[in-house]
All heavy atoms as atom14 arrays in JSON, in Angstrom:
{
  "sequence": "DAAHVEGASRVVFVDCLIEGGPAQPDGASAMGGWGGDALE",
  "atom14_mask": [
    [1, 1, 1, 1, 1, 1, 1, 1, 0, 0, 0, 0, 0, 0],
    [1, 1, 1, 1, 1, 0, 0, 0, 0, 0, 0, 0, 0, 0],
    [1, 1, 1, 1, 1, 0, 0, 0, 0, 0, 0, 0, 0, 0],
    [1, 1, 1, 1, 1, 1, 1, 1, 1, 1, 0, 0, 0, 0],
    [1, 1, 1, 1, 1, 1, 1, 0, 0, 0, 0, 0, 0, 0],
    [1, 1, 1, 1, 1, 1, 1, 1, 1, 0, 0, 0, 0, 0],
    [1, 1, 1, 1, 0, 0, 0, 0, 0, 0, 0, 0, 0, 0],
    [1, 1, 1, 1, 1, 0, 0, 0, 0, 0, 0, 0, 0, 0],
    [1, 1, 1, 1, 1, 1, 0, 0, 0, 0, 0, 0, 0, 0],
    [1, 1, 1, 1, 1, 1, 1, 1, 1, 1, 1, 0, 0, 0],
    [1, 1, 1, 1, 1, 1, 1, 0, 0, 0, 0, 0, 0, 0],
    [1, 1, 1, 1, 1, 1, 1, 0, 0, 0, 0, 0, 0, 0],
    [1, 1, 1, 1, 1, 1, 1, 1, 1, 1, 1, 0, 0, 0],
    [1, 1, 1, 1, 1, 1, 1, 0, 0, 0, 0, 0, 0, 0],
    [1, 1, 1, 1, 1, 1, 1, 1, 0, 0, 0, 0, 0, 0],
    [1, 1, 1, 1, 1, 1, 0, 0, 0, 0, 0, 0, 0, 0],
    [1, 1, 1, 1, 1, 1, 1, 1, 0, 0, 0, 0, 0, 0],
    [1, 1, 1, 1, 1, 1, 1, 1, 0, 0, 0, 0, 0, 0],
    [1, 1, 1, 1, 1, 1, 1, 1, 1, 0, 0, 0, 0, 0],
    [1, 1, 1, 1, 0, 0, 0, 0, 0, 0, 0, 0, 0, 0],
    [1, 1, 1, 1, 0, 0, 0, 0, 0, 0, 0, 0, 0, 0],
    [1, 1, 1, 1, 1, 1, 1, 0, 0, 0, 0, 0, 0, 0],
    [1, 1, 1, 1, 1, 0, 0, 0, 0, 0, 0, 0, 0, 0],
    [1, 1, 1, 1, 1, 1, 1, 1, 1, 0, 0, 0, 0, 0],
    [1, 1, 1, 1, 1, 1, 1, 0, 0, 0, 0, 0, 0, 0],
    [1, 1, 1, 1, 1, 1, 1, 1, 0, 0, 0, 0, 0, 0],
    [1, 1, 1, 1, 0, 0, 0, 0, 0, 0, 0, 0, 0, 0],
    [1, 1, 1, 1, 1, 0, 0, 0, 0, 0, 0, 0, 0, 0],
    [1, 1, 1, 1, 1, 1, 0, 0, 0, 0, 0, 0, 0, 0],
    [1, 1, 1, 1, 1, 0, 0, 0, 0, 0, 0, 0, 0, 0],
    [1, 1, 1, 1, 1, 1, 1, 1, 0, 0, 0, 0, 0, 0],
    [1, 1, 1, 1, 0, 0, 0, 0, 0, 0, 0, 0, 0, 0],
    [1, 1, 1, 1, 0, 0, 0, 0, 0, 0, 0, 0, 0, 0],
    [1, 1, 1, 1, 1, 1, 1, 1, 1, 1, 1, 1, 1, 1],
    [1, 1, 1, 1, 0, 0, 0, 0, 0, 0, 0, 0, 0, 0],
    [1, 1, 1, 1, 0, 0, 0, 0, 0, 0, 0, 0, 0, 0],
    [1, 1, 1, 1, 1, 1, 1, 1, 0, 0, 0, 0, 0, 0],
    [1, 1, 1, 1, 1, 0, 0, 0, 0, 0, 0, 0, 0, 0],
    [1, 1, 1, 1, 1, 1, 1, 1, 0, 0, 0, 0, 0, 0],
    [1, 1, 1, 1, 1, 1, 1, 1, 1, 0, 0, 0, 0, 0]
  ],
  "atom14_positions": [
    [[53.89, 103.75, -14.17], [52.73, 104.32, -13.48], [52.73, 103.8, -12.04], [53.07, 102.64, -11.79], [51.44, 103.9, -14.18], [51.39, 104.38, -15.63], [52.1, 105.35, -15.97], [50.64, 103.78, -16.41], [0.0, 0.0, 0.0], [0.0, 0.0, 0.0], [0.0, 0.0, 0.0], [0.0, 0.0, 0.0], [0.0, 0.0, 0.0], [0.0, 0.0, 0.0]],
    [[52.29, 104.63, -11.1], [52.3, 104.22, -9.69], [51.1, 103.36, -9.33], [51.25, 102.33, -8.69], [52.37, 105.45, -8.79], [0.0, 0.0, 0.0], [0.0, 0.0, 0.0], [0.0, 0.0, 0.0], [0.0, 0.0, 0.0], [0.0, 0.0, 0.0], [0.0, 0.0, 0.0], [0.0, 0.0, 0.0], [0.0, 0.0, 0.0], [0.0, 0.0, 0.0]],
    [[49.89, 103.79, -9.7], [48.69, 103.08, -9.23], [47.69, 102.9, -10.37], [47.42, 103.82, -11.13], [48.04, 103.85, -8.09], [0.0, 0.0, 0.0], [0.0, 0.0, 0.0], [0.0, 0.0, 0.0], [0.0, 0.0, 0.0], [0.0, 0.0, 0.0], [0.0, 0.0, 0.0], [0.0, 0.0, 0.0], [0.0, 0.0, 0.0], [0.0, 0.0, 0.0]],
    [[47.13, 101.7, -10.44], [46.06, 101.37, -11.4], [44.85, 100.9, -10.6], [44.97, 99.99, -9.78], [46.5, 100.24, -12.33], [47.66, 100.57, -13.19], [47.53, 101.11, -14.43], [48.99, 100.45, -12.96], [48.73, 101.31, -14.96], [49.63, 100.93, -14.08], [0.0, 0.0, 0.0], [0.0, 0.0, 0.0], [0.0, 0.0, 0.0], [0.0, 0.0, 0.0]],
    [[43.7, 101.52, -10.86], [42.45, 101.11, -10.23], [41.55, 100.69, -11.38], [41.15, 101.52, -12.2], [41.83, 102.27, -9.41], [40.51, 101.83, -8.78], [42.82, 102.73, -8.33], [0.0, 0.0, 0.0], [0.0, 0.0, 0.0], [0.0, 0.0, 0.0], [0.0, 0.0, 0.0], [0.0, 0.0, 0.0], [0.0, 0.0, 0.0], [0.0, 0.0, 0.0]],
    [[41.25, 99.38, -11.46], [40.61, 98.83, -12.65], [39.39, 97.99, -12.32], [39.16, 97.63, -11.17], [41.63, 97.97, -13.41], [42.88, 98.74, -13.81], [43.96, 97.87, -14.43], [43.98, 96.65, -14.18], [44.77, 98.41, -15.17], [0.0, 0.0, 0.0], [0.0, 0.0, 0.0], [0.0, 0.0, 0.0], [0.0, 0.0, 0.0], [0.0, 0.0, 0.0]],
    [[38.66, 97.65, -13.37], [37.45, 96.82, -13.22], [36.34, 97.66, -12.61], [36.0, 98.71, -13.11], [0.0, 0.0, 0.0], [0.0, 0.0, 0.0], [0.0, 0.0, 0.0], [0.0, 0.0, 0.0], [0.0, 0.0, 0.0], [0.0, 0.0, 0.0], [0.0, 0.0, 0.0], [0.0, 0.0, 0.0], [0.0, 0.0, 0.0], [0.0, 0.0, 0.0]],
    [[35.81, 97.17, -11.5], [34.76, 97.9, -10.77], [35.22, 98.11, -9.34], [34.54, 97.77, -8.38], [33.45, 97.12, -10.82], [0.0, 0.0, 0.0], [0.0, 0.0, 0.0], [0.0, 0.0, 0.0], [0.0, 0.0, 0.0], [0.0, 0.0, 0.0], [0.0, 0.0, 0.0], [0.0, 0.0, 0.0], [0.0, 0.0, 0.0], [0.0, 0.0, 0.0]],
    [[36.41, 98.68, -9.18], [36.98, 98.91, -7.85], [36.51, 100.25, -7.29], [36.25, 101.19, -8.04], [38.51, 98.92, -7.92], [39.02, 97.67, -8.33], [0.0, 0.0, 0.0], [0.0, 0.0, 0.0], [0.0, 0.0, 0.0], [0.0, 0.0, 0.0], [0.0, 0.0, 0.0], [0.0, 0.0, 0.0], [0.0, 0.0, 0.0], [0.0, 0.0, 0.0]],
    [[36.43, 100.32, -5.96], [36.17, 101.58, -5.26], [37.31, 101.76, -4.26], [37.47, 100.96, -3.35], [34.83, 101.55, -4.54], [33.66, 101.51, -5.51], [32.32, 101.66, -4.81], [32.13, 100.59, -3.83], [31.31, 100.69, -2.79], [30.6, 101.78, -2.6], [31.17, 99.69, -1.95], [0.0, 0.0, 0.0], [0.0, 0.0, 0.0], [0.0, 0.0, 0.0]],
    [[38.09, 102.84, -4.47], [39.28, 103.07, -3.64], [39.25, 104.5, -3.1], [38.96, 105.44, -3.84], [40.58, 102.83, -4.45], [41.81, 103.05, -3.57], [40.59, 101.42, -5.03], [0.0, 0.0, 0.0], [0.0, 0.0, 0.0], [0.0, 0.0, 0.0], [0.0, 0.0, 0.0], [0.0, 0.0, 0.0], [0.0, 0.0, 0.0], [0.0, 0.0, 0.0]],
    [[39.56, 104.64, -1.81], [39.67, 105.94, -1.16], [41.1, 106.1, -0.68], [41.64, 105.21, 0.0], [38.7, 106.04, 0.05], [38.88, 107.36, 0.78], [37.26, 105.85, -0.4], [0.0, 0.0, 0.0], [0.0, 0.0, 0.0], [0.0, 0.0, 0.0], [0.0, 0.0, 0.0], [0.0, 0.0, 0.0], [0.0, 0.0, 0.0], [0.0, 0.0, 0.0]],
    [[41.74, 107.22, -1.03], [43.08, 107.56, -0.57], [42.96, 108.73, 0.41], [42.39, 109.76, 0.06], [43.97, 108.0, -1.73], [44.28, 106.93, -2.73], [43.5, 106.76, -3.86], [45.38, 106.09, -2.56], [43.78, 105.79, -4.81], [45.68, 105.12, -3.51], [44.89, 104.96, -4.62], [0.0, 0.0, 0.0], [0.0, 0.0, 0.0], [0.0, 0.0, 0.0]],
    [[43.5, 108.56, 1.63], [43.45, 109.61, 2.65], [44.87, 109.91, 3.12], [45.57, 109.01, 3.6], [42.58, 109.17, 3.86], [42.54, 110.27, 4.91], [41.17, 108.8, 3.4], [0.0, 0.0, 0.0], [0.0, 0.0, 0.0], [0.0, 0.0, 0.0], [0.0, 0.0, 0.0], [0.0, 0.0, 0.0], [0.0, 0.0, 0.0], [0.0, 0.0, 0.0]],
    [[45.31, 111.15, 2.96], [46.64, 111.59, 3.39], [47.76, 110.72, 2.81], [48.64, 110.24, 3.53], [46.74, 111.62, 4.92], [45.82, 112.66, 5.53], [45.57, 113.68, 4.87], [45.33, 112.43, 6.65], [0.0, 0.0, 0.0], [0.0, 0.0, 0.0], [0.0, 0.0, 0.0], [0.0, 0.0, 0.0], [0.0, 0.0, 0.0], [0.0, 0.0, 0.0]],
    [[47.72, 110.5, 1.51], [48.7, 109.66, 0.82], [49.53, 110.48, -0.17], [49.18, 111.6, -0.52], [47.99, 108.55, 0.04], [47.13, 107.35, 1.06], [0.0, 0.0, 0.0], [0.0, 0.0, 0.0], [0.0, 0.0, 0.0], [0.0, 0.0, 0.0], [0.0, 0.0, 0.0], [0.0, 0.0, 0.0], [0.0, 0.0, 0.0], [0.0, 0.0, 0.0]],
    [[50.62, 109.88, -0.64], [51.4, 110.38, -1.76], [51.35, 109.3, -2.83], [51.68, 108.14, -2.56], [52.86, 110.64, -1.36], [53.84, 110.9, -2.52], [53.49, 112.2, -3.24], [55.27, 110.91, -2.02], [0.0, 0.0, 0.0], [0.0, 0.0, 0.0], [0.0, 0.0, 0.0], [0.0, 0.0, 0.0], [0.0, 0.0, 0.0], [0.0, 0.0, 0.0]],
    [[50.94, 109.69, -4.05], [50.92, 108.79, -5.2], [51.78, 109.45, -6.26], [51.46, 110.55, -6.72], [49.49, 108.57, -5.73], [48.55, 108.18, -4.59], [49.49, 107.52, -6.82], [47.08, 108.23, -4.98], [0.0, 0.0, 0.0], [0.0, 0.0, 0.0], [0.0, 0.0, 0.0], [0.0, 0.0, 0.0], [0.0, 0.0, 0.0], [0.0, 0.0, 0.0]],
    [[52.88, 108.8, -6.65], [53.82, 109.45, -7.57], [54.35, 108.49, -8.62], [54.87, 107.42, -8.29], [54.98, 110.03, -6.76], [55.93, 110.87, -7.59], [56.92, 111.61, -6.73], [57.38, 111.07, -5.71], [57.24, 112.75, -7.08], [0.0, 0.0, 0.0], [0.0, 0.0, 0.0], [0.0, 0.0, 0.0], [0.0, 0.0, 0.0], [0.0, 0.0, 0.0]],
    [[54.21, 108.9, -9.9], [54.7, 108.11, -11.02], [56.2, 108.2, -11.19], [56.87, 109.05, -10.6], [0.0, 0.0, 0.0], [0.0, 0.0, 0.0], [0.0, 0.0, 0.0], [0.0, 0.0, 0.0], [0.0, 0.0, 0.0], [0.0, 0.0, 0.0], [0.0, 0.0, 0.0], [0.0, 0.0, 0.0], [0.0, 0.0, 0.0], [0.0, 0.0, 0.0]],
    [[56.75, 107.3, -12.01], [58.18, 107.24, -12.24], [58.66, 108.33, -13.19], [57.89, 108.93, -13.92], [0.0, 0.0, 0.0], [0.0, 0.0, 0.0], [0.0, 0.0, 0.0], [0.0, 0.0, 0.0], [0.0, 0.0, 0.0], [0.0, 0.0, 0.0], [0.0, 0.0, 0.0], [0.0, 0.0, 0.0], [0.0, 0.0, 0.0], [0.0, 0.0, 0.0]],
    [[59.95, 108.59, -13.2], [60.53, 109.64, -14.04], [60.6, 109.22, -15.51], [60.46, 108.05, -15.83], [61.94, 109.81, -13.46], [62.27, 108.44, -12.94], [60.97, 107.89, -12.41], [0.0, 0.0, 0.0], [0.0, 0.0, 0.0], [0.0, 0.0, 0.0], [0.0, 0.0, 0.0], [0.0, 0.0, 0.0], [0.0, 0.0, 0.0], [0.0, 0.0, 0.0]],
    [[60.83, 110.2, -16.37], [61.06, 109.93, -17.78], [62.5, 109.45, -17.99], [63.29, 109.39, -17.04], [60.82, 111.2, -18.6], [0.0, 0.0, 0.0], [0.0, 0.0, 0.0], [0.0, 0.0, 0.0], [0.0, 0.0, 0.0], [0.0, 0.0, 0.0], [0.0, 0.0, 0.0], [0.0, 0.0, 0.0], [0.0, 0.0, 0.0], [0.0, 0.0, 0.0]],
    [[62.83, 109.11, -19.23], [64.21, 108.75, -19.56], [65.13, 109.87, -19.1], [64.82, 111.04, -19.29], [64.37, 108.58, -21.07], [63.78, 107.34, -21.63], [64.68, 106.12, -21.42], [65.72, 106.19, -20.79], [64.25, 105.01, -21.95], [0.0, 0.0, 0.0], [0.0, 0.0, 0.0], [0.0, 0.0, 0.0], [0.0, 0.0, 0.0], [0.0, 0.0, 0.0]],
    [[66.28, 109.56, -18.51], [67.22, 110.61, -18.12], [67.67, 111.4, -19.35], [67.77, 110.85, -20.45], [68.39, 109.85, -17.51], [67.85, 108.51, -17.17], [66.74, 108.23, -18.14], [0.0, 0.0, 0.0], [0.0, 0.0, 0.0], [0.0, 0.0, 0.0], [0.0, 0.0, 0.0], [0.0, 0.0, 0.0], [0.0, 0.0, 0.0], [0.0, 0.0, 0.0]],
    [[67.95, 112.67, -19.15], [68.42, 113.53, -20.22], [69.66, 112.91, -20.86], [70.59, 112.52, -20.18], [68.75, 114.92, -19.67], [69.01, 115.91, -20.78], [68.45, 115.73, -21.87], [69.78, 116.85, -20.55], [0.0, 0.0, 0.0], [0.0, 0.0, 0.0], [0.0, 0.0, 0.0], [0.0, 0.0, 0.0], [0.0, 0.0, 0.0], [0.0, 0.0, 0.0]],
    [[69.63, 112.78, -22.17], [70.76, 112.24, -22.9], [70.67, 110.74, -23.12], [71.37, 110.19, -23.94], [0.0, 0.0, 0.0], [0.0, 0.0, 0.0], [0.0, 0.0, 0.0], [0.0, 0.0, 0.0], [0.0, 0.0, 0.0], [0.0, 0.0, 0.0], [0.0, 0.0, 0.0], [0.0, 0.0, 0.0], [0.0, 0.0, 0.0], [0.0, 0.0, 0.0]],
    [[69.78, 110.02, -22.38], [69.66, 108.58, -22.56], [68.84, 108.25, -23.8], [68.91, 107.17, -24.33], [69.01, 107.94, -21.33], [0.0, 0.0, 0.0], [0.0, 0.0, 0.0], [0.0, 0.0, 0.0], [0.0, 0.0, 0.0], [0.0, 0.0, 0.0], [0.0, 0.0, 0.0], [0.0, 0.0, 0.0], [0.0, 0.0, 0.0], [0.0, 0.0, 0.0]],
    [[68.06, 109.21, -24.26], [67.22, 109.0, -25.43], [67.14, 110.31, -26.2], [67.06, 111.38, -25.6], [65.81, 108.58, -24.99], [64.91, 108.7, -26.06], [0.0, 0.0, 0.0], [0.0, 0.0, 0.0], [0.0, 0.0, 0.0], [0.0, 0.0, 0.0], [0.0, 0.0, 0.0], [0.0, 0.0, 0.0], [0.0, 0.0, 0.0], [0.0, 0.0, 0.0]],
    [[67.13, 110.22, -27.5], [67.01, 111.44, -28.3], [65.61, 112.03, -28.18], [65.38, 113.16, -28.57], [67.31, 111.12, -29.77], [0.0, 0.0, 0.0], [0.0, 0.0, 0.0], [0.0, 0.0, 0.0], [0.0, 0.0, 0.0], [0.0, 0.0, 0.0], [0.0, 0.0, 0.0], [0.0, 0.0, 0.0], [0.0, 0.0, 0.0], [0.0, 0.0, 0.0]],
    [[64.67, 111.28, -27.62], [63.29, 111.73, -27.54], [62.93, 112.34, -26.19], [61.87, 112.92, -26.05], [62.33, 110.56, -27.83], [62.46, 110.03, -29.24], [62.22, 111.3, -30.5], [60.5, 111.66, -30.27], [0.0, 0.0, 0.0], [0.0, 0.0, 0.0], [0.0, 0.0, 0.0], [0.0, 0.0, 0.0], [0.0, 0.0, 0.0], [0.0, 0.0, 0.0]],
    [[63.73, 112.19, -25.15], [63.32, 112.67, -23.84], [62.07, 111.92, -23.44], [61.99, 110.73, -23.63], [0.0, 0.0, 0.0], [0.0, 0.0, 0.0], [0.0, 0.0, 0.0], [0.0, 0.0, 0.0], [0.0, 0.0, 0.0], [0.0, 0.0, 0.0], [0.0, 0.0, 0.0], [0.0, 0.0, 0.0], [0.0, 0.0, 0.0], [0.0, 0.0, 0.0]],
    [[61.05, 112.59, -22.93], [59.79, 111.89, -22.73], [59.01, 112.27, -21.51], [59.39, 113.13, -20.74], [0.0, 0.0, 0.0], [0.0, 0.0, 0.0], [0.0, 0.0, 0.0], [0.0, 0.0, 0.0], [0.0, 0.0, 0.0], [0.0, 0.0, 0.0], [0.0, 0.0, 0.0], [0.0, 0.0, 0.0], [0.0, 0.0, 0.0], [0.0, 0.0, 0.0]],
    [[57.88, 111.58, -21.39], [56.96, 111.76, -20.27], [57.39, 110.89, -19.11], [57.9, 109.79, -19.29], [55.56, 111.3, -20.67], [54.91, 112.08, -21.76], [54.83, 111.73, -23.07], [54.23, 113.31, -21.64], [54.14, 112.67, -23.77], [53.75, 113.66, -22.91], [53.97, 114.16, -20.57], [53.03, 114.81, -23.14], [53.25, 115.3, -20.8], [52.79, 115.63, -22.08]],
    [[57.09, 111.34, -17.93], [57.2, 110.47, -16.76], [55.96, 109.6, -16.69], [55.02, 109.76, -17.47], [0.0, 0.0, 0.0], [0.0, 0.0, 0.0], [0.0, 0.0, 0.0], [0.0, 0.0, 0.0], [0.0, 0.0, 0.0], [0.0, 0.0, 0.0], [0.0, 0.0, 0.0], [0.0, 0.0, 0.0], [0.0, 0.0, 0.0], [0.0, 0.0, 0.0]],
    [[55.93, 108.67, -15.76], [54.78, 107.79, -15.6], [53.6, 108.48, -14.94], [53.76, 109.48, -14.24], [0.0, 0.0, 0.0], [0.0, 0.0, 0.0], [0.0, 0.0, 0.0], [0.0, 0.0, 0.0], [0.0, 0.0, 0.0], [0.0, 0.0, 0.0], [0.0, 0.0, 0.0], [0.0, 0.0, 0.0], [0.0, 0.0, 0.0], [0.0, 0.0, 0.0]],
    [[52.41, 107.94, -15.17], [51.21, 108.46, -14.52], [51.26, 108.13, -13.03], [51.76, 107.1, -12.62], [49.95, 107.81, -15.1], [49.69, 108.23, -16.53], [50.14, 109.31, -16.94], [49.02, 107.46, -17.25], [0.0, 0.0, 0.0], [0.0, 0.0, 0.0], [0.0, 0.0, 0.0], [0.0, 0.0, 0.0], [0.0, 0.0, 0.0], [0.0, 0.0, 0.0]],
    [[50.68, 109.01, -12.23], [50.55, 108.72, -10.81], [49.39, 107.76, -10.59], [49.52, 106.76, -9.89], [50.33, 110.01, -10.03], [0.0, 0.0, 0.0], [0.0, 0.0, 0.0], [0.0, 0.0, 0.0], [0.0, 0.0, 0.0], [0.0, 0.0, 0.0], [0.0, 0.0, 0.0], [0.0, 0.0, 0.0], [0.0, 0.0, 0.0], [0.0, 0.0, 0.0]],
    [[48.25, 108.03, -11.21], [47.04, 107.27, -10.94], [46.25, 107.1, -12.22], [45.93, 108.07, -12.9], [46.2, 108.01, -9.9], [44.84, 107.45, -9.52], [44.96, 106.07, -8.91], [44.15, 108.4, -8.55], [0.0, 0.0, 0.0], [0.0, 0.0, 0.0], [0.0, 0.0, 0.0], [0.0, 0.0, 0.0], [0.0, 0.0, 0.0], [0.0, 0.0, 0.0]],
    [[45.92, 105.86, -12.55], [45.11, 105.56, -13.73], [43.86, 104.82, -13.25], [43.96, 103.79, -12.57], [45.89, 104.71, -14.72], [45.12, 104.41, -15.97], [45.92, 103.59, -16.97], [47.13, 103.47, -16.81], [45.3, 103.09, -17.91], [0.0, 0.0, 0.0], [0.0, 0.0, 0.0], [0.0, 0.0, 0.0], [0.0, 0.0, 0.0], [0.0, 0.0, 0.0]]
  ]
}
């Protein structure tokens, strides 16, 4: 996951890119899968 905002935080993003990580490469796992979350 790229960003975690937790507890009682207040965050403002202006003109940003927030991008999660990729899933397992094709063929590396029999399950394939989800990529990471961008923002939690």
